[in-house]
C-alpha atoms as a PDB file:
ATOM      1  CA  MET A   1     -43.475   5.793-187.014  1.00  0.00           C
ATOM      2  CA  LYS A   2     -43.074   4.696-190.185  1.00  0.00           C
ATOM      3  CA  LYS A   3     -41.614   8.415-191.769  1.00  0.00           C
ATOM      4  CA  LEU A   4     -40.184   8.642-188.969  1.00  0.00           C
ATOM      5  CA  ALA A   5     -37.837   5.655-189.553  1.00  0.00           C
ATOM      6  CA  GLY A   6     -37.438   6.597-193.848  1.00  0.00           C
ATOM      7  CA  PHE A   7     -36.854  10.102-192.380  1.00  0.00           C
ATOM      8  CA  LEU A   8     -34.016   8.587-190.103  1.00  0.00           C
ATOM      9  CA  PHE A   9     -32.383   6.851-193.188  1.00  0.00           C
ATOM     10  CA  ILE A  10     -32.745   9.237-195.124  1.00  0.00           C
ATOM     11  CA  MET A  11     -30.472  12.011-193.446  1.00  0.00           C
ATOM     12  CA  LEU A  12     -28.247   8.640-192.787  1.00  0.00           C
ATOM     13  CA  LEU A  13     -28.019   8.620-196.098  1.00  0.00           C
ATOM     14  CA  ILE A  14     -27.062  11.910-197.729  1.00  0.00           C
ATOM     15  CA  TYR A  15     -24.450  12.369-194.303  1.00  0.00           C
ATOM     16  CA  SER A  16     -23.193   8.988-195.546  1.00  0.00           C
ATOM     17  CA  ILE A  17     -22.901  10.612-198.928  1.00  0.00           C
ATOM     18  CA  TYR A  18     -21.351  13.761-197.241  1.00  0.00           C
ATOM     19  CA  HIS A  19     -18.944  12.940-195.524  1.00  0.00           C
ATOM     20  CA  ASP A  20     -17.282  10.455-198.518  1.00  0.00           C
ATOM     21  CA  ILE A  21     -17.167  13.437-200.562  1.00  0.00           C
ATOM     22  CA  GLN A  22     -15.242  15.088-198.449  1.00  0.00           C
ATOM     23  CA  HIS A  23     -13.257  12.526-196.475  1.00  0.00           C
ATOM     24  CA  GLY A  24     -13.347   9.796-198.754  1.00  0.00           C
ATOM     25  CA  THR A  25     -13.774   5.742-197.492  1.00  0.00           C
ATOM     26  CA  LEU A  26     -10.255   4.849-199.223  1.00  0.00           C
ATOM     27  CA  PRO A  27      -7.096   5.184-197.670  1.00  0.00           C
ATOM     28  CA  ALA A  28      -4.224   6.795-198.964  1.00  0.00           C
ATOM     29  CA  ALA A  29      -2.436   5.216-202.194  1.00  0.00           C
ATOM     30  CA  VAL A  30       0.963   6.254-199.877  1.00  0.00           C
ATOM     31  CA  SER A  31       0.173   6.968-195.611  1.00  0.00           C
ATOM     32  CA  ALA A  32       2.508   6.072-193.287  1.00  0.00           C
ATOM     33  CA  VAL A  33       5.239   4.498-194.959  1.00  0.00           C
ATOM     34  CA  GLN A  34       7.707   6.561-196.278  1.00  0.00           C
ATOM     35  CA  VAL A  35       9.869   5.628-200.348  1.00  0.00           C
ATOM     36  CA  GLU A  36      12.389   6.412-201.956  1.00  0.00           C
ATOM     37  CA  GLU A  37      13.301   5.406-204.941  1.00  0.00           C
ATOM     38  CA  THR A  38      16.690   4.475-205.763  1.00  0.00           C
ATOM     39  CA  LYS A  39      18.414   7.126-208.191  1.00  0.00           C
ATOM     40  CA  PRO A  40      21.527   5.706-209.752  1.00  0.00           C
ATOM     41  CA  PRO A  41      23.270   7.983-211.294  1.00  0.00           C
ATOM     42  CA  ALA A  42      21.034  10.655-214.711  1.00  0.00           C
ATOM     43  CA  ALA A  43      19.570   8.485-216.903  1.00  0.00           C
ATOM     44  CA  ASP A  44      19.490   5.123-215.182  1.00  0.00           C
ATOM     45  CA  LYS A  45      16.959   3.906-213.191  1.00  0.00           C
ATOM     46  CA  SER A  46      17.459   0.304-210.836  1.00  0.00           C
ATOM     47  CA  TYR A  47      15.728  -2.658-212.524  1.00  0.00           C
ATOM     48  CA  PHE A  48      16.026  -5.930-212.850  1.00  0.00           C
ATOM     49  CA  GLU A  49      14.680  -7.865-215.368  1.00  0.00           C
ATOM     50  CA  LYS A  50      12.114 -10.255-215.352  1.00  0.00           C
ATOM     51  CA  LYS A  51      11.028 -12.851-217.740  1.00  0.00           C
ATOM     52  CA  ILE A  52       7.238 -13.598-217.786  1.00  0.00           C
ATOM     53  CA  GLN A  53       4.918 -16.046-217.362  1.00  0.00           C
ATOM     54  CA  PRO A  54       1.491 -16.540-217.861  1.00  0.00           C
ATOM     55  CA  GLY A  55      -1.805 -14.774-215.473  1.00  0.00           C
ATOM     56  CA  GLU A  56       1.393 -12.272-214.814  1.00  0.00           C
ATOM     57  CA  THR A  57       1.260  -8.264-215.408  1.00  0.00           C
ATOM     58  CA  VAL A  58       3.360  -5.913-215.277  1.00  0.00           C
ATOM     59  CA  LEU A  59       0.770  -4.998-211.334  1.00  0.00           C
ATOM     60  CA  SER A  60       1.387  -8.306-210.015  1.00  0.00           C
ATOM     61  CA  VAL A  61       4.993  -9.238-210.928  1.00  0.00           C
ATOM     62  CA  MET A  62       6.157  -5.861-209.169  1.00  0.00           C
ATOM     63  CA  GLU A  63       3.898  -7.287-206.131  1.00  0.00           C
ATOM     64  CA  LYS A  64       5.647 -10.323-206.157  1.00  0.00           C
ATOM     65  CA  ARG A  65       8.594  -8.777-206.257  1.00  0.00           C
ATOM     66  CA  PHE A  66       7.499  -6.544-203.241  1.00  0.00           C
ATOM     67  CA  ASP A  67       4.955 -10.016-200.925  1.00  0.00           C
ATOM     68  CA  GLY A  68       2.407  -7.125-200.880  1.00  0.00           C
ATOM     69  CA  PRO A  69       0.700  -4.571-201.949  1.00  0.00           C
ATOM     70  CA  VAL A  70       3.367  -1.491-203.516  1.00  0.00           C
ATOM     71  CA  PRO A  71       4.569   1.231-202.133  1.00  0.00           C
ATOM     72  CA  VAL A  72       4.465   2.990-204.794  1.00  0.00           C
ATOM     73  CA  PRO A  73       1.399   5.003-206.529  1.00  0.00           C
ATOM     74  CA  ILE A  74       0.865   2.695-210.518  1.00  0.00           C
ATOM     75  CA  THR A  75       1.312   5.401-212.322  1.00  0.00           C
ATOM     76  CA  THR A  76       5.095   5.578-211.289  1.00  0.00           C
ATOM     77  CA  ILE A  77       5.535   2.120-212.054  1.00  0.00           C
ATOM     78  CA  VAL A  78       3.911   2.247-215.458  1.00  0.00           C
ATOM     79  CA  ASN A  79       6.007   5.289-216.748  1.00  0.00           C
ATOM     80  CA  ASP A  80       9.250   3.359-214.436  1.00  0.00           C
ATOM     81  CA  PHE A  81       7.887   0.515-216.909  1.00  0.00           C
ATOM     82  CA  GLN A  82       7.430   2.117-220.738  1.00  0.00           C
ATOM     83  CA  GLU A  83      11.035   4.670-219.921  1.00  0.00           C
ATOM     84  CA  LEU A  84      13.104   1.157-219.276  1.00  0.00           C
ATOM     85  CA  ASN A  85      11.232  -0.394-222.013  1.00  0.00           C
ATOM     86  CA  ASN A  86      11.999   1.921-224.694  1.00  0.00           C
ATOM     87  CA  GLY A  87       7.631   3.211-224.526  1.00  0.00           C
ATOM     88  CA  LEU A  88       6.580   0.146-224.108  1.00  0.00           C
ATOM     89  CA  ASP A  89       2.838  -0.043-222.981  1.00  0.00           C
ATOM     90  CA  PRO A  90       2.744  -1.658-219.772  1.00  0.00           C
ATOM     91  CA  LYS A  91      -0.809  -4.117-221.753  1.00  0.00           C
ATOM     92  CA  GLU A  92       1.290  -5.047-224.208  1.00  0.00           C
ATOM     93  CA  ILE A  93       3.645  -6.686-222.395  1.00  0.00           C
ATOM     94  CA  GLN A  94       4.576 -10.446-224.490  1.00  0.00           C
ATOM     95  CA  LEU A  95       4.327 -14.569-222.220  1.00  0.00           C
ATOM     96  CA  GLY A  96       7.882 -15.829-222.897  1.00  0.00           C
ATOM     97  CA  LYS A  97      10.155 -12.187-223.323  1.00  0.00           C
ATOM     98  CA  SER A  98      12.064 -10.700-220.647  1.00  0.00           C
ATOM     99  CA  TYR A  99      11.070  -6.869-219.523  1.00  0.00           C
ATOM    100  CA  LYS A 100      12.392  -4.450-216.909  1.00  0.00           C
ATOM    101  CA  PHE A 101      11.123  -3.722-214.329  1.00  0.00           C
ATOM    102  CA  PRO A 102      11.584  -1.125-211.521  1.00  0.00           C
ATOM    103  CA  GLU A 103      13.211  -1.454-208.728  1.00  0.00           C
ATOM    104  CA  TYR A 104      12.849   0.160-205.558  1.00  0.00           C
ATOM    105  CA  ARG A 105      13.939   0.737-202.575  1.00  0.00           C
ATOM    106  CA  VAL A 106      11.257   1.133-198.705  1.00  0.00           C
ATOM    107  CA  ALA A 107      13.082   3.868-196.729  1.00  0.00           C
ATOM    108  CA  ASP A 108      13.172   2.849-192.846  1.00  0.00           C
END
């Protein structure tokens, strides 16, 4: 009986790993929500300025702006932040300084 239970457990484990590899268990980054970037003419991107407070990161500022999860991929936010701030790495933001953050609009 123990061998049968062990065999079933191992089969369940193998199936779980197979399913995770084939289909994944995490939801897609942007699934049902359609996101539209605000694209003003050519070089100008829509943005807002924010002075960095203690404990804030680029992602936490964006999450506060959307009052929850950000509806665009993090790589898009990082790239747009760098473009708006002359190539500044988001990890190098400093307390008390103002930075430009990309403005996104969620399509209804």
